[in-house]
């Protein structure tokens, strides 16, 4: 087991100064001191004793992050977002794992899902359409109920009119018959 651990340790290209602490705990401890992921990367991979990065790869990654950050046009409010994007761009993406932050951090959606804004728009549009359909169904039922009520009222009115017409017809016939006989 020890030989296997040594072998795996040699494969690790980027070490950190956190020891056994998970990155999430280190981030919590440095919350006010470290404003973004690039600054956190430097803190987690910088040796205070030696005054430099732990490995050359860590230094190379940090410099790449700074280059990417300099390449982007940054507003004053978006500096943290831009630095976080540069961090993720340099370290890459692994499905189900927040690269550079360890296993304890919930990863962001895959690049496919992040870039698939059309899918998100369609899902939102579908939900809106379902709500609209339910609204229109209830309105249609209300209109049908009103129409049925008007139909019934019209039938009652028609019966009443037929009754009045029959009475008028009867009176007219009786009125016409009476003057002639007298």
N, C-alpha and C. Protein backbone atom coordinates (compact mmCIF):
# COMPACT_ATOMS: atom_id res chain seq x y z
N UNK A 1 0.83 -1.19 0.00
CA UNK A 1 0.00 0.00 0.00
C UNK A 1 0.87 1.25 0.00
N UNK A 2 1.94 1.25 0.77
CA UNK A 2 2.83 2.40 0.84
C UNK A 2 3.45 2.70 -0.52
N UNK A 3 3.83 1.65 -1.25
CA UNK A 3 4.43 1.84 -2.57
C UNK A 3 3.42 2.45 -3.54
N UNK A 4 2.19 1.99 -3.44
CA UNK A 4 1.12 2.53 -4.29
C UNK A 4 0.87 4.00 -3.99
N UNK A 5 0.87 4.36 -2.70
CA UNK A 5 0.68 5.75 -2.32
C UNK A 5 1.81 6.63 -2.84
N UNK A 6 3.05 6.12 -2.73
CA UNK A 6 4.20 6.88 -3.24
C UNK A 6 4.08 7.09 -4.75
N UNK A 7 3.66 6.05 -5.43
CA UNK A 7 3.50 6.12 -6.89
C UNK A 7 2.43 7.16 -7.26
N UNK A 8 1.30 7.13 -6.56
CA UNK A 8 0.23 8.09 -6.81
C UNK A 8 0.66 9.51 -6.46
N UNK A 9 1.43 9.65 -5.39
CA UNK A 9 1.91 10.97 -4.97
C UNK A 9 2.83 11.57 -6.04
N UNK A 10 3.64 10.75 -6.67
CA UNK A 10 4.54 11.23 -7.73
C UNK A 10 3.75 11.68 -8.96
N UNK A 11 2.60 11.07 -9.20
CA UNK A 11 1.76 11.44 -10.35
C UNK A 11 1.12 12.81 -10.15
N UNK A 12 0.94 13.21 -8.91
CA UNK A 12 0.28 14.48 -8.61
C UNK A 12 1.16 15.63 -9.07
N UNK A 13 0.64 16.45 -9.98
CA UNK A 13 1.43 17.53 -10.55
C UNK A 13 1.37 18.80 -9.72
N UNK A 14 0.26 19.04 -9.05
CA UNK A 14 0.08 20.28 -8.30
C UNK A 14 -0.22 19.93 -6.85
N UNK A 15 0.69 20.28 -5.96
CA UNK A 15 0.47 20.07 -4.53
C UNK A 15 -0.10 21.35 -3.93
N UNK A 16 -0.51 21.27 -2.67
CA UNK A 16 -1.04 22.46 -2.00
C UNK A 16 -0.52 22.49 -0.57
N UNK A 17 -0.74 23.62 0.09
CA UNK A 17 -0.20 23.82 1.44
C UNK A 17 -1.24 23.56 2.51
N UNK A 18 -2.39 23.02 2.15
CA UNK A 18 -3.48 22.84 3.11
C UNK A 18 -3.36 21.60 3.97
N UNK A 19 -2.45 20.71 3.65
CA UNK A 19 -2.34 19.47 4.42
C UNK A 19 -3.56 18.60 4.23
N UNK A 20 -4.12 18.14 5.37
CA UNK A 20 -5.29 17.25 5.30
C UNK A 20 -6.60 18.02 5.23
N UNK A 21 -6.55 19.33 5.39
CA UNK A 21 -7.78 20.12 5.35
C UNK A 21 -8.37 20.11 3.95
N UNK A 22 -9.68 19.94 3.86
CA UNK A 22 -10.32 20.05 2.55
C UNK A 22 -10.32 21.52 2.08
N UNK A 23 -10.37 21.71 0.79
CA UNK A 23 -10.36 23.06 0.24
C UNK A 23 -11.54 23.90 0.73
N UNK A 24 -12.67 23.27 0.95
CA UNK A 24 -13.84 24.00 1.43
C UNK A 24 -13.55 24.65 2.77
N UNK A 25 -12.91 23.92 3.66
CA UNK A 25 -12.58 24.46 4.98
C UNK A 25 -11.56 25.60 4.86
N UNK A 26 -10.57 25.42 4.00
CA UNK A 26 -9.58 26.48 3.78
C UNK A 26 -10.27 27.72 3.23
N UNK A 27 -11.20 27.53 2.30
CA UNK A 27 -11.93 28.67 1.73
C UNK A 27 -12.73 29.39 2.81
N UNK A 28 -13.37 28.63 3.70
CA UNK A 28 -14.13 29.25 4.79
C UNK A 28 -13.23 30.06 5.70
N UNK A 29 -12.06 29.52 6.01
CA UNK A 29 -11.13 30.23 6.89
C UNK A 29 -10.59 31.50 6.23
N UNK A 30 -10.43 31.49 4.92
CA UNK A 30 -9.88 32.64 4.20
C UNK A 30 -10.97 33.50 3.55
N UNK A 31 -12.19 33.35 3.97
CA UNK A 31 -13.32 33.98 3.30
C UNK A 31 -13.14 35.48 3.08
N UNK A 32 -12.77 36.24 4.12
CA UNK A 32 -12.63 37.68 3.98
C UNK A 32 -11.31 38.04 3.29
N UNK A 33 -10.28 37.23 3.48
CA UNK A 33 -8.96 37.55 2.94
C UNK A 33 -8.88 37.31 1.43
N UNK A 34 -9.59 36.32 0.93
CA UNK A 34 -9.45 35.91 -0.46
C UNK A 34 -10.74 36.23 -1.21
N UNK A 35 -10.70 37.22 -2.12
CA UNK A 35 -11.92 37.65 -2.80
C UNK A 35 -12.38 36.75 -3.95
N UNK A 36 -11.46 35.99 -4.57
CA UNK A 36 -11.84 35.19 -5.74
C UNK A 36 -11.01 33.91 -5.80
N UNK A 37 -11.31 33.08 -6.78
CA UNK A 37 -10.66 31.77 -6.87
C UNK A 37 -9.18 31.84 -7.26
N UNK A 38 -8.78 32.85 -8.02
CA UNK A 38 -7.36 32.97 -8.37
C UNK A 38 -6.54 33.29 -7.12
N UNK A 39 -7.04 34.21 -6.31
CA UNK A 39 -6.34 34.55 -5.06
C UNK A 39 -6.32 33.34 -4.13
N UNK A 40 -7.41 32.58 -4.10
CA UNK A 40 -7.46 31.37 -3.29
C UNK A 40 -6.43 30.35 -3.78
N UNK A 41 -6.32 30.21 -5.10
CA UNK A 41 -5.34 29.27 -5.68
C UNK A 41 -3.93 29.64 -5.22
N UNK A 42 -3.62 30.93 -5.26
CA UNK A 42 -2.28 31.36 -4.84
C UNK A 42 -2.06 31.05 -3.36
N UNK A 43 -3.04 31.35 -2.52
CA UNK A 43 -2.92 31.09 -1.08
C UNK A 43 -2.75 29.60 -0.80
N UNK A 44 -3.47 28.76 -1.54
CA UNK A 44 -3.43 27.32 -1.28
C UNK A 44 -2.18 26.65 -1.84
N UNK A 45 -1.47 27.30 -2.76
CA UNK A 45 -0.31 26.68 -3.40
C UNK A 45 0.98 27.46 -3.18
N UNK A 46 0.97 28.47 -2.35
CA UNK A 46 2.15 29.31 -2.07
C UNK A 46 2.79 28.88 -0.76
N UNK A 47 4.09 28.65 -0.77
CA UNK A 47 4.82 28.27 0.44
C UNK A 47 5.34 29.54 1.10
N UNK A 48 4.88 29.79 2.32
CA UNK A 48 5.35 30.99 3.04
C UNK A 48 6.81 30.83 3.47
N UNK A 49 7.19 29.60 3.77
CA UNK A 49 8.57 29.34 4.20
C UNK A 49 9.56 29.60 3.06
N UNK A 50 9.24 29.09 1.87
CA UNK A 50 10.15 29.21 0.73
C UNK A 50 9.95 30.51 -0.04
N UNK A 51 8.79 31.14 0.14
CA UNK A 51 8.50 32.38 -0.57
C UNK A 51 8.23 32.18 -2.05
N UNK A 52 7.73 31.02 -2.44
CA UNK A 52 7.41 30.73 -3.84
C UNK A 52 6.34 29.64 -3.88
N UNK A 53 5.91 29.31 -5.11
CA UNK A 53 4.92 28.25 -5.27
C UNK A 53 5.54 26.90 -4.93
N UNK A 54 4.68 25.97 -4.50
CA UNK A 54 5.13 24.63 -4.12
C UNK A 54 5.73 23.90 -5.32
N UNK A 55 5.06 23.97 -6.47
CA UNK A 55 5.55 23.29 -7.67
C UNK A 55 5.59 24.28 -8.84
N UNK A 56 6.36 23.92 -9.84
CA UNK A 56 6.43 24.75 -11.05
C UNK A 56 5.09 24.75 -11.79
N UNK A 57 4.39 23.63 -11.76
CA UNK A 57 3.09 23.53 -12.42
C UNK A 57 2.09 24.48 -11.78
N UNK A 58 2.10 24.57 -10.45
CA UNK A 58 1.20 25.48 -9.75
C UNK A 58 1.50 26.92 -10.15
N UNK A 59 2.78 27.26 -10.25
CA UNK A 59 3.15 28.62 -10.66
C UNK A 59 2.71 28.89 -12.10
N UNK A 60 2.92 27.90 -12.97
CA UNK A 60 2.51 28.03 -14.37
C UNK A 60 1.00 28.24 -14.47
N UNK A 61 0.23 27.44 -13.73
CA UNK A 61 -1.24 27.59 -13.73
C UNK A 61 -1.65 28.97 -13.24
N UNK A 62 -1.02 29.45 -12.17
CA UNK A 62 -1.34 30.76 -11.62
C UNK A 62 -1.05 31.86 -12.65
N UNK A 63 0.10 31.78 -13.30
CA UNK A 63 0.45 32.78 -14.31
C UNK A 63 -0.50 32.74 -15.50
N UNK A 64 -0.93 31.53 -15.90
CA UNK A 64 -1.92 31.40 -16.97
C UNK A 64 -3.25 32.05 -16.58
N UNK A 65 -3.65 31.85 -15.32
CA UNK A 65 -4.89 32.47 -14.84
C UNK A 65 -4.79 33.98 -14.92
N UNK A 66 -3.66 34.54 -14.50
CA UNK A 66 -3.48 35.99 -14.56
C UNK A 66 -3.48 36.49 -16.01
N UNK A 67 -2.86 35.74 -16.91
CA UNK A 67 -2.88 36.11 -18.33
C UNK A 67 -4.30 36.13 -18.87
N UNK A 68 -5.06 35.08 -18.57
CA UNK A 68 -6.46 35.01 -19.04
C UNK A 68 -7.27 36.17 -18.46
N UNK A 69 -7.00 36.50 -17.21
CA UNK A 69 -7.71 37.60 -16.57
C UNK A 69 -7.36 38.92 -17.24
N UNK A 70 -6.09 39.11 -17.60
CA UNK A 70 -5.67 40.34 -18.27
C UNK A 70 -6.25 40.45 -19.68
N UNK A 71 -6.47 39.31 -20.33
CA UNK A 71 -7.01 39.31 -21.69
C UNK A 71 -8.47 39.74 -21.73
N UNK A 72 -9.21 39.51 -20.67
CA UNK A 72 -10.63 39.86 -20.65
C UNK A 72 -10.81 41.30 -20.22
N UNK A 73 -11.82 41.94 -20.81
CA UNK A 73 -12.17 43.30 -20.39
C UNK A 73 -13.06 43.17 -19.17
N UNK A 74 -12.67 43.84 -18.10
CA UNK A 74 -13.34 43.65 -16.82
C UNK A 74 -13.97 44.95 -16.34
N UNK A 75 -15.23 44.88 -15.94
CA UNK A 75 -15.87 46.00 -15.24
C UNK A 75 -15.46 45.92 -13.78
N UNK A 76 -15.67 46.99 -13.06
CA UNK A 76 -15.28 47.01 -11.65
C UNK A 76 -16.05 45.96 -10.84
N UNK A 77 -17.31 45.76 -11.14
CA UNK A 77 -18.12 44.80 -10.39
C UNK A 77 -17.94 43.36 -10.81
N UNK A 78 -17.41 43.13 -12.01
CA UNK A 78 -17.30 41.77 -12.54
C UNK A 78 -15.91 41.17 -12.39
N UNK A 79 -15.03 41.78 -11.62
CA UNK A 79 -13.65 41.29 -11.50
C UNK A 79 -13.63 39.88 -10.89
N UNK A 80 -14.42 39.65 -9.85
CA UNK A 80 -14.44 38.33 -9.22
C UNK A 80 -14.99 37.27 -10.18
N UNK A 81 -16.05 37.61 -10.91
CA UNK A 81 -16.62 36.66 -11.87
C UNK A 81 -15.62 36.34 -12.97
N UNK A 82 -14.92 37.36 -13.46
CA UNK A 82 -13.93 37.15 -14.53
C UNK A 82 -12.77 36.30 -14.03
N UNK A 83 -12.33 36.55 -12.80
CA UNK A 83 -11.22 35.76 -12.26
C UNK A 83 -11.65 34.31 -12.01
N UNK A 84 -12.88 34.12 -11.58
CA UNK A 84 -13.39 32.75 -11.39
C UNK A 84 -13.50 32.02 -12.73
N UNK A 85 -13.91 32.75 -13.78
CA UNK A 85 -13.99 32.15 -15.12
C UNK A 85 -12.59 31.78 -15.62
N UNK A 86 -11.60 32.64 -15.38
CA UNK A 86 -10.22 32.35 -15.79
C UNK A 86 -9.69 31.12 -15.04
N UNK A 87 -10.00 31.03 -13.75
CA UNK A 87 -9.61 29.89 -12.92
C UNK A 87 -10.13 28.59 -13.53
N UNK A 88 -11.41 28.58 -13.86
CA UNK A 88 -12.04 27.37 -14.40
C UNK A 88 -11.53 27.06 -15.80
N UNK A 89 -11.22 28.10 -16.58
CA UNK A 89 -10.71 27.88 -17.93
C UNK A 89 -9.32 27.23 -17.89
N UNK A 90 -8.46 27.69 -16.99
CA UNK A 90 -7.10 27.15 -16.92
C UNK A 90 -7.08 25.73 -16.36
N UNK A 91 -7.84 25.49 -15.30
CA UNK A 91 -7.82 24.16 -14.68
C UNK A 91 -8.68 23.15 -15.41
N UNK A 92 -9.59 23.61 -16.26
CA UNK A 92 -10.39 22.69 -17.06
C UNK A 92 -11.63 22.20 -16.34
N UNK A 93 -12.26 21.20 -16.94
CA UNK A 93 -13.51 20.66 -16.43
C UNK A 93 -13.44 19.15 -16.33
N UNK A 94 -13.93 18.64 -15.22
CA UNK A 94 -14.12 17.20 -15.04
C UNK A 94 -15.54 16.99 -14.56
N UNK A 95 -16.25 16.10 -15.19
CA UNK A 95 -17.64 15.86 -14.85
C UNK A 95 -17.78 15.40 -13.41
N UNK A 96 -18.67 16.05 -12.66
CA UNK A 96 -18.95 15.66 -11.28
C UNK A 96 -17.88 16.08 -10.29
N UNK A 97 -16.97 16.96 -10.68
CA UNK A 97 -15.86 17.34 -9.81
C UNK A 97 -15.51 18.79 -10.08
N UNK A 98 -15.37 19.57 -9.03
CA UNK A 98 -14.98 20.97 -9.17
C UNK A 98 -13.46 21.03 -9.21
N UNK A 99 -12.89 21.07 -10.39
CA UNK A 99 -11.44 21.01 -10.57
C UNK A 99 -10.77 22.14 -9.81
N UNK A 100 -9.77 21.78 -9.01
CA UNK A 100 -9.03 22.76 -8.24
C UNK A 100 -9.63 23.04 -6.88
N UNK A 101 -10.80 22.51 -6.62
CA UNK A 101 -11.47 22.77 -5.35
C UNK A 101 -11.76 21.51 -4.55
N UNK A 102 -11.48 20.36 -5.09
CA UNK A 102 -11.66 19.11 -4.35
C UNK A 102 -13.04 18.51 -4.50
N UNK A 103 -13.26 17.43 -3.75
CA UNK A 103 -14.51 16.67 -3.86
C UNK A 103 -15.65 17.27 -3.05
N UNK A 104 -15.36 18.12 -2.08
CA UNK A 104 -16.40 18.63 -1.19
C UNK A 104 -17.21 19.76 -1.80
N UNK A 105 -16.80 20.26 -2.95
CA UNK A 105 -17.49 21.38 -3.58
C UNK A 105 -18.43 20.85 -4.65
N UNK A 106 -19.66 21.37 -4.66
CA UNK A 106 -20.62 20.97 -5.68
C UNK A 106 -20.21 21.61 -6.99
N UNK A 107 -20.00 20.80 -8.03
CA UNK A 107 -19.53 21.37 -9.30
C UNK A 107 -20.64 22.12 -10.03
N UNK A 108 -20.22 23.00 -10.91
CA UNK A 108 -21.17 23.70 -11.76
C UNK A 108 -21.64 22.75 -12.85
N UNK A 109 -22.71 23.10 -13.57
CA UNK A 109 -23.17 22.23 -14.65
C UNK A 109 -22.09 22.03 -15.70
N UNK A 110 -22.21 20.95 -16.44
CA UNK A 110 -21.23 20.63 -17.48
C UNK A 110 -21.23 21.75 -18.52
N UNK A 111 -20.13 21.88 -19.25
CA UNK A 111 -20.09 22.92 -20.29
C UNK A 111 -21.21 22.75 -21.30
N UNK A 112 -21.58 21.52 -21.57
CA UNK A 112 -22.67 21.29 -22.52
C UNK A 112 -23.97 21.92 -22.01
N UNK A 113 -24.29 21.67 -20.75
CA UNK A 113 -25.53 22.21 -20.20
C UNK A 113 -25.43 23.72 -19.98
N UNK A 114 -24.24 24.20 -19.61
CA UNK A 114 -24.05 25.63 -19.42
C UNK A 114 -24.21 26.35 -20.75
N UNK A 115 -23.67 25.77 -21.81
CA UNK A 115 -23.75 26.39 -23.14
C UNK A 115 -25.08 26.14 -23.81
N UNK A 116 -25.85 25.22 -23.30
CA UNK A 116 -27.12 24.87 -23.90
C UNK A 116 -28.22 25.78 -23.35
N UNK A 117 -28.09 27.05 -23.59
CA UNK A 117 -29.09 28.02 -23.14
C UNK A 117 -30.41 27.81 -23.85
N UNK A 118 -30.35 27.29 -25.08
CA UNK A 118 -31.59 27.01 -25.81
C UNK A 118 -32.43 26.00 -25.05
N UNK A 119 -31.79 24.98 -24.51
CA UNK A 119 -32.50 23.97 -23.73
C UNK A 119 -33.17 24.62 -22.52
N UNK A 120 -32.43 25.46 -21.80
CA UNK A 120 -32.98 26.14 -20.63
C UNK A 120 -34.15 27.04 -21.03
N UNK A 121 -34.00 27.76 -22.14
CA UNK A 121 -35.06 28.64 -22.61
C UNK A 121 -36.30 27.84 -22.97
N UNK A 122 -36.10 26.68 -23.62
CA UNK A 122 -37.24 25.84 -24.00
C UNK A 122 -37.94 25.29 -22.77
N UNK A 123 -37.19 24.89 -21.76
CA UNK A 123 -37.79 24.38 -20.52
C UNK A 123 -38.63 25.48 -19.86
N UNK A 124 -38.07 26.69 -19.77
CA UNK A 124 -38.82 27.80 -19.17
C UNK A 124 -40.06 28.14 -19.99
N UNK A 125 -39.91 28.14 -21.32
CA UNK A 125 -41.03 28.44 -22.20
C UNK A 125 -42.11 27.37 -22.07
N UNK A 126 -41.71 26.12 -21.93
CA UNK A 126 -42.65 25.02 -21.76
C UNK A 126 -43.46 25.19 -20.48
N UNK A 127 -42.79 25.55 -19.39
CA UNK A 127 -43.49 25.77 -18.12
C UNK A 127 -44.49 26.93 -18.25
N UNK A 128 -44.06 28.00 -18.91
CA UNK A 128 -44.95 29.15 -19.11
C UNK A 128 -46.16 28.73 -19.93
N UNK A 129 -45.93 27.95 -20.99
CA UNK A 129 -47.03 27.50 -21.84
C UNK A 129 -47.99 26.59 -21.08
N UNK A 130 -47.46 25.73 -20.21
CA UNK A 130 -48.33 24.87 -19.39
C UNK A 130 -49.22 25.72 -18.49
N UNK A 131 -48.64 26.75 -17.88
CA UNK A 131 -49.42 27.64 -17.02
C UNK A 131 -50.48 28.37 -17.84
N UNK A 132 -50.11 28.83 -19.04
CA UNK A 132 -51.08 29.51 -19.91
C UNK A 132 -52.21 28.57 -20.31
N UNK A 133 -51.88 27.32 -20.63
CA UNK A 133 -52.91 26.34 -21.01
C UNK A 133 -53.89 26.14 -19.87
N UNK A 134 -53.39 26.01 -18.65
CA UNK A 134 -54.29 25.83 -17.51
C UNK A 134 -55.18 27.05 -17.31
N UNK A 135 -54.62 28.23 -17.50
CA UNK A 135 -55.41 29.46 -17.38
C UNK A 135 -56.50 29.49 -18.44
N UNK A 136 -56.13 29.20 -19.69
CA UNK A 136 -57.11 29.23 -20.78
C UNK A 136 -58.16 28.14 -20.64
N UNK A 137 -57.79 26.98 -20.12
CA UNK A 137 -58.77 25.92 -19.87
C UNK A 137 -59.82 26.39 -18.86
N UNK A 138 -59.36 27.01 -17.80
CA UNK A 138 -60.31 27.48 -16.78
C UNK A 138 -61.20 28.59 -17.35
N UNK A 139 -60.63 29.46 -18.19
CA UNK A 139 -61.44 30.50 -18.82
C UNK A 139 -62.46 29.89 -19.78
N UNK A 140 -62.05 28.88 -20.54
CA UNK A 140 -62.95 28.20 -21.47
C UNK A 140 -64.10 27.54 -20.71
N UNK A 141 -63.80 26.89 -19.60
CA UNK A 141 -64.85 26.26 -18.79
C UNK A 141 -65.83 27.32 -18.27
N UNK A 142 -65.32 28.47 -17.87
CA UNK A 142 -66.19 29.55 -17.38
C UNK A 142 -67.08 30.06 -18.51
N UNK A 143 -66.53 30.22 -19.70
CA UNK A 143 -67.32 30.68 -20.85
C UNK A 143 -68.37 29.63 -21.21
N UNK A 144 -68.01 28.36 -21.19
CA UNK A 144 -68.98 27.30 -21.49
C UNK A 144 -70.11 27.29 -20.46
N UNK A 145 -69.78 27.47 -19.20
CA UNK A 145 -70.81 27.51 -18.16
C UNK A 145 -71.75 28.70 -18.38
N UNK A 146 -71.18 29.86 -18.72
CA UNK A 146 -72.01 31.04 -19.00
C UNK A 146 -72.89 30.80 -20.22
N UNK A 147 -72.35 30.18 -21.25
CA UNK A 147 -73.11 29.90 -22.47
C UNK A 147 -74.26 28.94 -22.17
N UNK A 148 -74.01 27.92 -21.37
CA UNK A 148 -75.06 26.98 -21.00
C UNK A 148 -76.17 27.70 -20.22
N UNK A 149 -75.77 28.59 -19.34
CA UNK A 149 -76.75 29.36 -18.57
C UNK A 149 -77.58 30.25 -19.50
N UNK A 150 -76.94 30.90 -20.47
CA UNK A 150 -77.68 31.73 -21.43
C UNK A 150 -78.62 30.88 -22.27
N UNK A 151 -78.19 29.68 -22.65
CA UNK A 151 -79.05 28.78 -23.43
C UNK A 151 -80.30 28.43 -22.64
N UNK A 152 -80.12 28.09 -21.38
CA UNK A 152 -81.26 27.73 -20.53
C UNK A 152 -82.19 28.93 -20.35
N UNK A 153 -81.61 30.11 -20.15
CA UNK A 153 -82.43 31.32 -20.01
C UNK A 153 -83.19 31.60 -21.30
N UNK A 154 -82.54 31.40 -22.45
CA UNK A 154 -83.18 31.62 -23.74
C UNK A 154 -84.34 30.65 -23.94
N UNK A 155 -84.14 29.38 -23.55
CA UNK A 155 -85.22 28.39 -23.67
C UNK A 155 -86.40 28.80 -22.80
N UNK A 156 -86.11 29.24 -21.57
CA UNK A 156 -87.20 29.70 -20.69
C UNK A 156 -87.91 30.90 -21.30
N UNK A 157 -87.15 31.84 -21.85
CA UNK A 157 -87.72 33.04 -22.48
C UNK A 157 -88.56 32.65 -23.70
N UNK A 158 -88.05 31.67 -24.48
CA UNK A 158 -88.77 31.21 -25.67
C UNK A 158 -90.10 30.57 -25.27
N UNK A 159 -90.08 29.76 -24.22
CA UNK A 159 -91.32 29.15 -23.73
C UNK A 159 -92.31 30.23 -23.27
N UNK A 160 -91.80 31.20 -22.57
CA UNK A 160 -92.64 32.30 -22.09
C UNK A 160 -93.24 33.06 -23.27
N UNK A 161 -92.41 33.35 -24.27
CA UNK A 161 -92.90 34.06 -25.46
C UNK A 161 -93.94 33.23 -26.21
N UNK A 162 -93.69 31.93 -26.33
CA UNK A 162 -94.66 31.06 -27.00
C UNK A 162 -95.98 31.05 -26.24
N UNK A 163 -95.90 31.03 -24.94
CA UNK A 163 -97.12 31.06 -24.12
C UNK A 163 -97.86 32.38 -24.33
N UNK A 164 -97.13 33.50 -24.31
CA UNK A 164 -97.76 34.81 -24.53
C UNK A 164 -98.36 34.91 -25.93
N UNK A 165 -97.65 34.39 -26.92
CA UNK A 165 -98.17 34.43 -28.29
C UNK A 165 -99.44 33.58 -28.41
N UNK A 166 -99.45 32.45 -27.76
CA UNK A 166 -100.65 31.60 -27.79
C UNK A 166 -101.81 32.32 -27.11
N UNK A 167 -101.53 33.00 -25.98
CA UNK A 167 -102.58 33.76 -25.29
C UNK A 167 -103.09 34.89 -26.17
N UNK A 168 -102.19 35.61 -26.82
CA UNK A 168 -102.60 36.71 -27.70
C UNK A 168 -103.43 36.18 -28.87
N UNK A 169 -103.00 35.08 -29.42
CA UNK A 169 -103.72 34.48 -30.54
C UNK A 169 -105.13 34.09 -30.08
N UNK A 170 -105.21 33.53 -28.91
CA UNK A 170 -106.50 33.12 -28.35
C UNK A 170 -107.41 34.33 -28.12
N UNK A 171 -106.86 35.39 -27.56
CA UNK A 171 -107.63 36.59 -27.28
C UNK A 171 -108.09 37.25 -28.58
N UNK A 172 -107.22 37.27 -29.55
CA UNK A 172 -107.58 37.88 -30.82
C UNK A 172 -108.74 37.12 -31.48
N UNK A 173 -108.63 35.79 -31.45
CA UNK A 173 -109.70 34.99 -32.04
C UNK A 173 -111.01 35.19 -31.26
N UNK A 174 -110.89 35.23 -29.95
CA UNK A 174 -112.12 35.41 -29.16
C UNK A 174 -112.65 36.83 -29.31
N UNK A 175 -111.81 37.81 -29.50
CA UNK A 175 -112.22 39.19 -29.69
C UNK A 175 -112.89 39.36 -31.06
N UNK A 176 -112.36 38.65 -32.06
CA UNK A 176 -112.93 38.73 -33.39
C UNK A 176 -114.29 38.02 -33.45
N UNK A 177 -114.44 36.94 -32.74
CA UNK A 177 -115.68 36.18 -32.77
C UNK A 177 -116.78 36.92 -32.00
N UNK A 178 -116.50 37.54 -30.92
CA UNK A 178 -117.48 38.19 -30.07
C UNK A 178 -118.16 39.38 -30.75
N UNK A 179 -117.50 40.33 -31.39
CA UNK A 179 -118.20 41.47 -31.98
C UNK A 179 -119.12 41.05 -33.13
N UNK A 180 -118.81 40.05 -33.87
CA UNK A 180 -119.64 39.64 -34.98
C UNK A 180 -120.94 39.03 -34.46
N UNK A 181 -120.87 38.27 -33.41
CA UNK A 181 -122.05 37.62 -32.86
C UNK A 181 -122.98 38.64 -32.20
N UNK A 182 -122.53 39.72 -31.73
CA UNK A 182 -123.35 40.64 -30.97
C UNK A 182 -124.15 41.53 -31.79
